[in-house]
Amino acid sequence: MSIKSKRMVSLFIVGIMLLAAFAVAGCGNGEEEASKDPQDTTQTSEVLTGKLTIAGSTSVQPFSDVLAEEFMAVNPKAEISVQGGGSSQGVTAAASGAADIGSASRNVKEEEMAANPDLVVTQIAIDGVAVVVHHSNPVQDVTLEDIKNIYLGNITNWKDLGGKDAAITVVSREEGSGTRDAFVAMAMDDEEIAPSAIIQNSNGAVRTAVAGDENSIGYVSLAIVNNEIKALDIEGVAASVENIKAGTYKISRPFNYITKNDPEGLAKAFIDFVLSDEGQKIMVDEGAIGIK
């Protein structure tokens, strides 16, 4: 074979090899694109970075903790800090810029909005406020009027409610608590709780106090009720997710995130995650009531 013929054969073989390489590369790209689910919101071309602070309601705090962990697992360059302090503190922190997102387990009050018209409120879930007693307490059903009179100091003995002859230990949340604000508005007709009530600064602290005193009564987020305490029925209606959704249980409130102006950047991405199907499932799995 001549030198010219050998060169033509070599060029032909090289051409075949290049075509094969391009074909393999093309198949690889196709497989990579096919592996991306357009419905998967965790896959994004934008890398989320930066720090985000959430502060406020101690009722919302444990949900924010779990949501932040899940969000950071997908976005490892994002750093989210979750703090408590109470719902009023959450509104103030959002308004002042001390927190990127404030959290409140109640509606933002008219006077708070009037003082801070740039606040934007996003509801992320619904929660019930359970009126709770020691698990050994024989009383199971009370009226809203009964609850009101206990917290006003007008009913002071369990025997007046069909229970044993024992003084009622009244446990309440502190001023500024979203749980307290919701309870006072819906169970107390906005009347003040008696100053003799024992004050605790979180839902968990109320639960611990009630679990440790067989004659006590308190109120907590439905999400943290466990077998250490018993939720009372109110006028024959149990404190349950189903009854809250149906509107038959009398005491429920929103879980809100609050930002100064419309959320942007990392704050918007996190709130969008909380409102997504995945975020709402986390809320429900943790004991709240989803809004979808």
Protein backbone atom coordinates (compact mmCIF):
# COMPACT_ATOMS: atom_id res chain seq x y z
CA MET A 1 0.00 0.00 0.00
CA SER A 2 1.32 3.43 -0.91
CA ILE A 3 2.18 6.07 1.70
CA LYS A 4 -0.71 8.19 0.42
CA SER A 5 -3.16 5.32 0.87
CA LYS A 6 -1.88 4.65 4.41
CA ARG A 7 -2.42 8.32 5.34
CA MET A 8 -6.01 8.21 4.04
CA VAL A 9 -6.74 5.07 6.08
CA SER A 10 -5.26 6.69 9.24
CA LEU A 11 -7.35 9.82 8.80
CA PHE A 12 -10.45 7.69 8.31
CA ILE A 13 -9.78 5.77 11.56
CA VAL A 14 -9.18 9.00 13.50
CA GLY A 15 -12.43 10.39 12.17
CA ILE A 16 -14.35 7.31 13.29
CA MET A 17 -12.81 7.58 16.79
CA LEU A 18 -13.74 11.26 17.11
CA LEU A 19 -17.33 10.55 16.08
CA ALA A 20 -17.55 7.77 18.64
CA ALA A 21 -16.19 10.08 21.37
CA PHE A 22 -18.76 12.78 20.53
CA ALA A 23 -21.54 10.19 20.60
CA VAL A 24 -20.52 8.96 24.07
CA ALA A 25 -20.31 12.53 25.38
CA GLY A 26 -23.72 13.28 23.95
CA CYS A 27 -25.25 10.25 25.65
CA GLY A 28 -23.66 11.26 28.97
CA ASN A 29 -25.18 14.74 28.81
CA GLY A 30 -28.56 13.31 28.00
CA GLU A 31 -28.45 11.00 31.01
CA GLU A 32 -27.40 13.87 33.28
CA GLU A 33 -30.26 16.06 32.10
CA ALA A 34 -32.72 13.20 32.38
CA SER A 35 -31.70 12.62 36.01
CA LYS A 36 -32.87 16.11 37.00
CA ASP A 37 -36.45 16.15 38.17
CA PRO A 38 -38.04 19.50 37.22
CA GLN A 39 -40.40 19.10 40.19
CA ASP A 40 -37.51 18.69 42.66
CA THR A 41 -37.17 22.10 44.33
CA THR A 42 -33.99 21.01 46.12
CA GLN A 43 -32.04 21.02 42.83
CA THR A 44 -31.04 24.53 41.85
CA SER A 45 -28.37 26.14 39.74
CA GLU A 46 -28.13 28.98 42.26
CA VAL A 47 -25.93 28.36 45.29
CA LEU A 48 -27.60 29.85 48.36
CA THR A 49 -25.12 31.42 50.77
CA GLY A 50 -25.20 33.78 53.71
CA LYS A 51 -26.59 33.99 57.24
CA LEU A 52 -30.23 34.20 58.31
CA THR A 53 -31.62 34.92 61.77
CA ILE A 54 -35.12 33.90 62.90
CA ALA A 55 -36.35 35.13 66.29
CA GLY A 56 -39.61 35.22 68.23
CA SER A 57 -42.29 32.79 69.30
CA THR A 58 -41.21 29.84 71.43
CA SER A 59 -44.16 27.92 69.94
CA VAL A 60 -42.82 28.39 66.42
CA GLN A 61 -39.17 27.94 67.45
CA PRO A 62 -39.03 24.11 67.44
CA PHE A 63 -40.60 24.01 63.98
CA SER A 64 -38.13 26.61 62.71
CA ASP A 65 -35.28 24.53 64.16
CA VAL A 66 -36.29 21.44 62.17
CA LEU A 67 -37.03 23.41 59.01
CA ALA A 68 -33.68 25.19 59.23
CA GLU A 69 -31.83 21.88 59.62
CA GLU A 70 -33.52 20.45 56.53
CA PHE A 71 -32.91 23.62 54.53
CA MET A 72 -29.20 23.75 55.47
CA ALA A 73 -28.78 20.08 54.62
CA VAL A 74 -29.72 20.93 51.03
CA ASN A 75 -27.97 24.32 51.10
CA PRO A 76 -24.79 23.74 53.14
CA LYS A 77 -23.43 27.22 52.44
CA ALA A 78 -26.45 28.83 54.13
CA GLU A 79 -26.36 29.39 57.90
CA ILE A 80 -29.63 29.82 59.83
CA SER A 81 -29.81 30.79 63.50
CA VAL A 82 -33.12 30.26 65.35
CA GLN A 83 -33.88 32.09 68.59
CA GLY A 84 -36.86 32.43 70.95
CA GLY A 85 -37.99 35.43 72.95
CA GLY A 86 -41.75 35.46 72.39
CA SER A 87 -44.07 36.65 69.64
CA SER A 88 -43.88 40.32 70.57
CA GLN A 89 -40.11 40.06 70.44
CA GLY A 90 -40.43 38.49 66.99
CA VAL A 91 -42.46 41.42 65.68
CA THR A 92 -40.00 43.91 67.19
CA ALA A 93 -36.97 42.03 65.85
CA ALA A 94 -38.36 41.98 62.32
CA ALA A 95 -39.32 45.65 62.45
CA SER A 96 -35.94 46.78 63.78
CA GLY A 97 -33.88 44.51 61.55
CA ALA A 98 -32.46 42.62 64.53
CA ALA A 99 -33.76 39.46 62.85
CA ASP A 100 -34.25 38.71 59.16
CA ILE A 101 -37.46 36.85 59.99
CA GLY A 102 -39.60 37.36 63.07
CA SER A 103 -41.90 34.55 64.21
CA ALA A 104 -45.23 34.93 65.98
CA SER A 105 -47.80 32.41 67.17
CA ARG A 106 -50.59 34.94 66.83
CA ASN A 107 -51.84 37.59 64.45
CA VAL A 108 -49.83 40.80 64.32
CA LYS A 109 -51.74 43.41 66.27
CA GLU A 110 -53.24 46.49 64.62
CA GLU A 111 -51.07 48.81 66.68
CA GLU A 112 -47.95 46.85 65.70
CA MET A 113 -48.81 47.16 62.02
CA ALA A 114 -49.64 50.86 62.43
CA ALA A 115 -46.24 51.49 64.00
CA ASN A 116 -44.45 49.39 61.37
CA PRO A 117 -46.39 49.61 58.09
CA ASP A 118 -43.60 47.91 56.12
CA LEU A 119 -44.09 44.59 57.92
CA VAL A 120 -45.10 41.66 55.72
CA VAL A 121 -46.81 38.71 57.42
CA THR A 122 -46.71 35.20 55.93
CA GLN A 123 -48.78 32.48 57.58
CA ILE A 124 -46.91 29.17 57.63
CA ALA A 125 -49.23 26.92 59.69
CA ILE A 126 -52.09 26.72 62.19
CA ASP A 127 -51.88 25.58 65.79
CA GLY A 128 -54.34 24.79 68.54
CA VAL A 129 -53.96 26.02 72.12
CA ALA A 130 -54.69 23.10 74.41
CA VAL A 131 -55.88 23.64 77.98
CA VAL A 132 -54.00 20.98 79.94
CA VAL A 133 -54.03 19.32 83.35
CA HIS A 134 -52.11 16.55 85.11
CA HIS A 135 -52.83 13.18 83.48
CA SER A 136 -54.36 11.90 86.75
CA ASN A 137 -56.97 14.68 86.96
CA PRO A 138 -60.49 13.16 86.63
CA VAL A 139 -61.91 16.32 85.01
CA GLN A 140 -62.13 15.93 81.23
CA ASP A 141 -64.59 18.51 79.91
CA VAL A 142 -64.92 22.22 80.73
CA THR A 143 -66.60 25.23 79.16
CA LEU A 144 -64.92 28.39 77.96
CA GLU A 145 -66.67 30.16 80.83
CA ASP A 146 -65.10 27.70 83.29
CA ILE A 147 -61.64 28.36 81.86
CA LYS A 148 -62.17 32.11 81.99
CA ASN A 149 -63.28 31.96 85.63
CA ILE A 150 -60.31 29.80 86.62
CA TYR A 151 -57.89 32.31 85.11
CA LEU A 152 -59.76 35.27 86.58
CA GLY A 153 -59.49 33.64 90.00
CA ASN A 154 -63.25 33.09 90.42
CA ILE A 155 -63.03 29.27 90.41
CA THR A 156 -60.31 28.08 92.75
CA ASN A 157 -61.17 24.46 93.62
CA TRP A 158 -61.44 21.41 91.34
CA LYS A 159 -64.58 20.21 93.19
CA ASP A 160 -66.48 23.09 91.54
CA LEU A 161 -65.79 21.40 88.18
CA GLY A 162 -66.61 17.86 89.28
CA GLY A 163 -63.09 17.03 90.41
CA LYS A 164 -61.58 16.35 93.81
CA ASP A 165 -61.52 18.81 96.68
CA ALA A 166 -58.19 20.50 95.93
CA ALA A 167 -57.06 24.04 95.20
CA ILE A 168 -56.34 24.75 91.52
CA THR A 169 -52.77 25.73 90.69
CA VAL A 170 -53.05 28.15 87.77
CA VAL A 171 -50.10 28.24 85.34
CA SER A 172 -49.81 30.85 82.61
CA ARG A 173 -47.39 32.23 80.03
CA GLU A 174 -45.59 35.54 80.33
CA GLU A 175 -46.65 38.88 78.85
CA GLY A 176 -45.66 39.10 75.19
CA SER A 177 -46.19 35.38 74.57
CA GLY A 178 -48.18 34.60 71.44
CA THR A 179 -49.72 31.63 73.19
CA ARG A 180 -50.89 33.88 76.02
CA ASP A 181 -52.22 36.52 73.62
CA ALA A 182 -54.22 33.90 71.71
CA PHE A 183 -55.52 32.34 74.93
CA VAL A 184 -56.55 35.69 76.42
CA ALA A 185 -58.30 36.74 73.20
CA MET A 186 -60.20 33.50 72.63
CA ALA A 187 -60.76 32.06 76.11
CA MET A 188 -60.75 35.17 78.29
CA ASP A 189 -62.57 37.72 76.10
CA ASP A 190 -59.44 39.89 76.48
CA GLU A 191 -59.81 40.07 80.28
CA GLU A 192 -56.62 40.00 82.32
CA ILE A 193 -55.26 36.84 83.90
CA ALA A 194 -55.21 36.96 87.71
CA PRO A 195 -51.82 38.05 89.11
CA SER A 196 -51.78 34.96 91.34
CA ALA A 197 -51.09 32.73 88.32
CA ILE A 198 -47.65 31.08 88.18
CA ILE A 199 -45.79 32.44 85.15
CA GLN A 200 -43.64 30.28 82.85
CA ASN A 201 -41.67 31.57 79.88
CA SER A 202 -42.19 28.78 77.36
CA ASN A 203 -44.63 26.07 76.33
CA GLY A 204 -42.19 23.46 77.53
CA ALA A 205 -41.94 25.09 80.94
CA VAL A 206 -45.74 25.13 81.28
CA ARG A 207 -45.89 21.45 80.34
CA THR A 208 -43.23 20.61 82.93
CA ALA A 209 -45.04 22.59 85.63
CA VAL A 210 -48.39 20.92 84.92
CA ALA A 211 -46.82 17.46 84.69
CA GLY A 212 -45.27 17.99 88.12
CA ASP A 213 -48.42 19.18 89.95
CA GLU A 214 -51.55 17.02 89.95
CA ASN A 215 -53.75 20.02 90.82
CA SER A 216 -52.46 22.38 88.12
CA ILE A 217 -53.93 23.73 84.91
CA GLY A 218 -52.12 25.42 82.03
CA TYR A 219 -52.31 26.07 78.31
CA VAL A 220 -49.78 25.08 75.65
CA SER A 221 -49.37 24.59 71.94
CA LEU A 222 -51.28 21.48 70.87
CA ALA A 223 -48.11 20.32 69.14
CA ILE A 224 -46.28 19.65 72.43
CA VAL A 225 -49.04 17.77 74.30
CA ASN A 226 -47.71 14.38 75.37
CA ASN A 227 -48.60 11.59 77.79
CA GLU A 228 -47.27 13.60 80.75
CA ILE A 229 -50.30 15.90 80.58
CA LYS A 230 -53.93 15.72 79.46
CA ALA A 231 -55.69 18.12 77.11
CA LEU A 232 -59.21 19.00 78.27
CA ASP A 233 -62.21 18.92 75.98
CA ILE A 234 -63.88 22.30 75.62
CA GLU A 235 -67.66 22.12 75.57
CA GLY A 236 -67.53 18.52 74.42
CA VAL A 237 -64.98 19.06 71.66
CA ALA A 238 -61.54 17.49 71.90
CA ALA A 239 -58.38 19.44 71.13
CA SER A 240 -57.45 17.71 67.87
CA VAL A 241 -56.18 18.57 64.42
CA GLU A 242 -59.44 17.39 62.88
CA ASN A 243 -61.58 19.58 65.13
CA ILE A 244 -59.36 22.61 64.59
CA LYS A 245 -59.59 22.18 60.81
CA ALA A 246 -63.37 21.82 61.13
CA GLY A 247 -63.54 24.99 63.24
CA THR A 248 -65.30 23.24 66.13
CA TYR A 249 -62.46 23.53 68.65
CA LYS A 250 -62.61 27.01 70.13
CA ILE A 251 -58.96 27.97 70.62
CA SER A 252 -56.58 28.05 67.64
CA ARG A 253 -54.14 30.56 66.20
CA PRO A 254 -51.81 31.09 63.21
CA PHE A 255 -48.08 30.53 63.05
CA ASN A 256 -46.59 33.51 61.18
CA TYR A 257 -43.27 34.61 59.78
CA ILE A 258 -42.75 38.37 59.64
CA THR A 259 -40.33 40.34 57.48
CA LYS A 260 -39.62 44.00 56.95
CA ASN A 261 -40.84 44.50 53.38
CA ASP A 262 -41.23 41.58 50.99
CA PRO A 263 -38.68 38.86 51.74
CA GLU A 264 -35.68 38.69 49.43
CA GLY A 265 -32.64 36.49 48.93
CA LEU A 266 -32.03 33.83 51.55
CA ALA A 267 -35.09 34.88 53.59
CA LYS A 268 -37.36 34.43 50.56
CA ALA A 269 -35.76 31.10 49.67
CA PHE A 270 -36.29 29.81 53.21
CA ILE A 271 -39.92 30.98 53.43
CA ASP A 272 -40.60 29.48 49.99
CA PHE A 273 -39.17 26.20 51.30
CA VAL A 274 -41.42 26.34 54.39
CA LEU A 275 -44.47 26.88 52.16
CA SER A 276 -43.48 24.13 49.73
CA ASP A 277 -45.00 20.64 49.90
CA GLU A 278 -41.83 19.40 51.61
CA GLY A 279 -41.84 22.20 54.18
CA GLN A 280 -45.52 21.80 54.95
CA LYS A 281 -45.05 18.05 55.42
CA ILE A 282 -42.34 18.80 57.98
CA MET A 283 -44.71 21.15 59.82
CA VAL A 284 -47.43 18.48 59.90
CA ASP A 285 -45.00 15.72 60.92
CA GLU A 286 -43.86 17.92 63.82
CA GLY A 287 -47.43 18.46 65.03
CA ALA A 288 -48.67 21.67 63.41
CA ILE A 289 -51.56 21.98 60.97
CA GLY A 290 -50.58 22.74 57.39
CA ILE A 291 -52.16 25.54 55.39
CA LYS A 292 -52.32 23.55 52.14
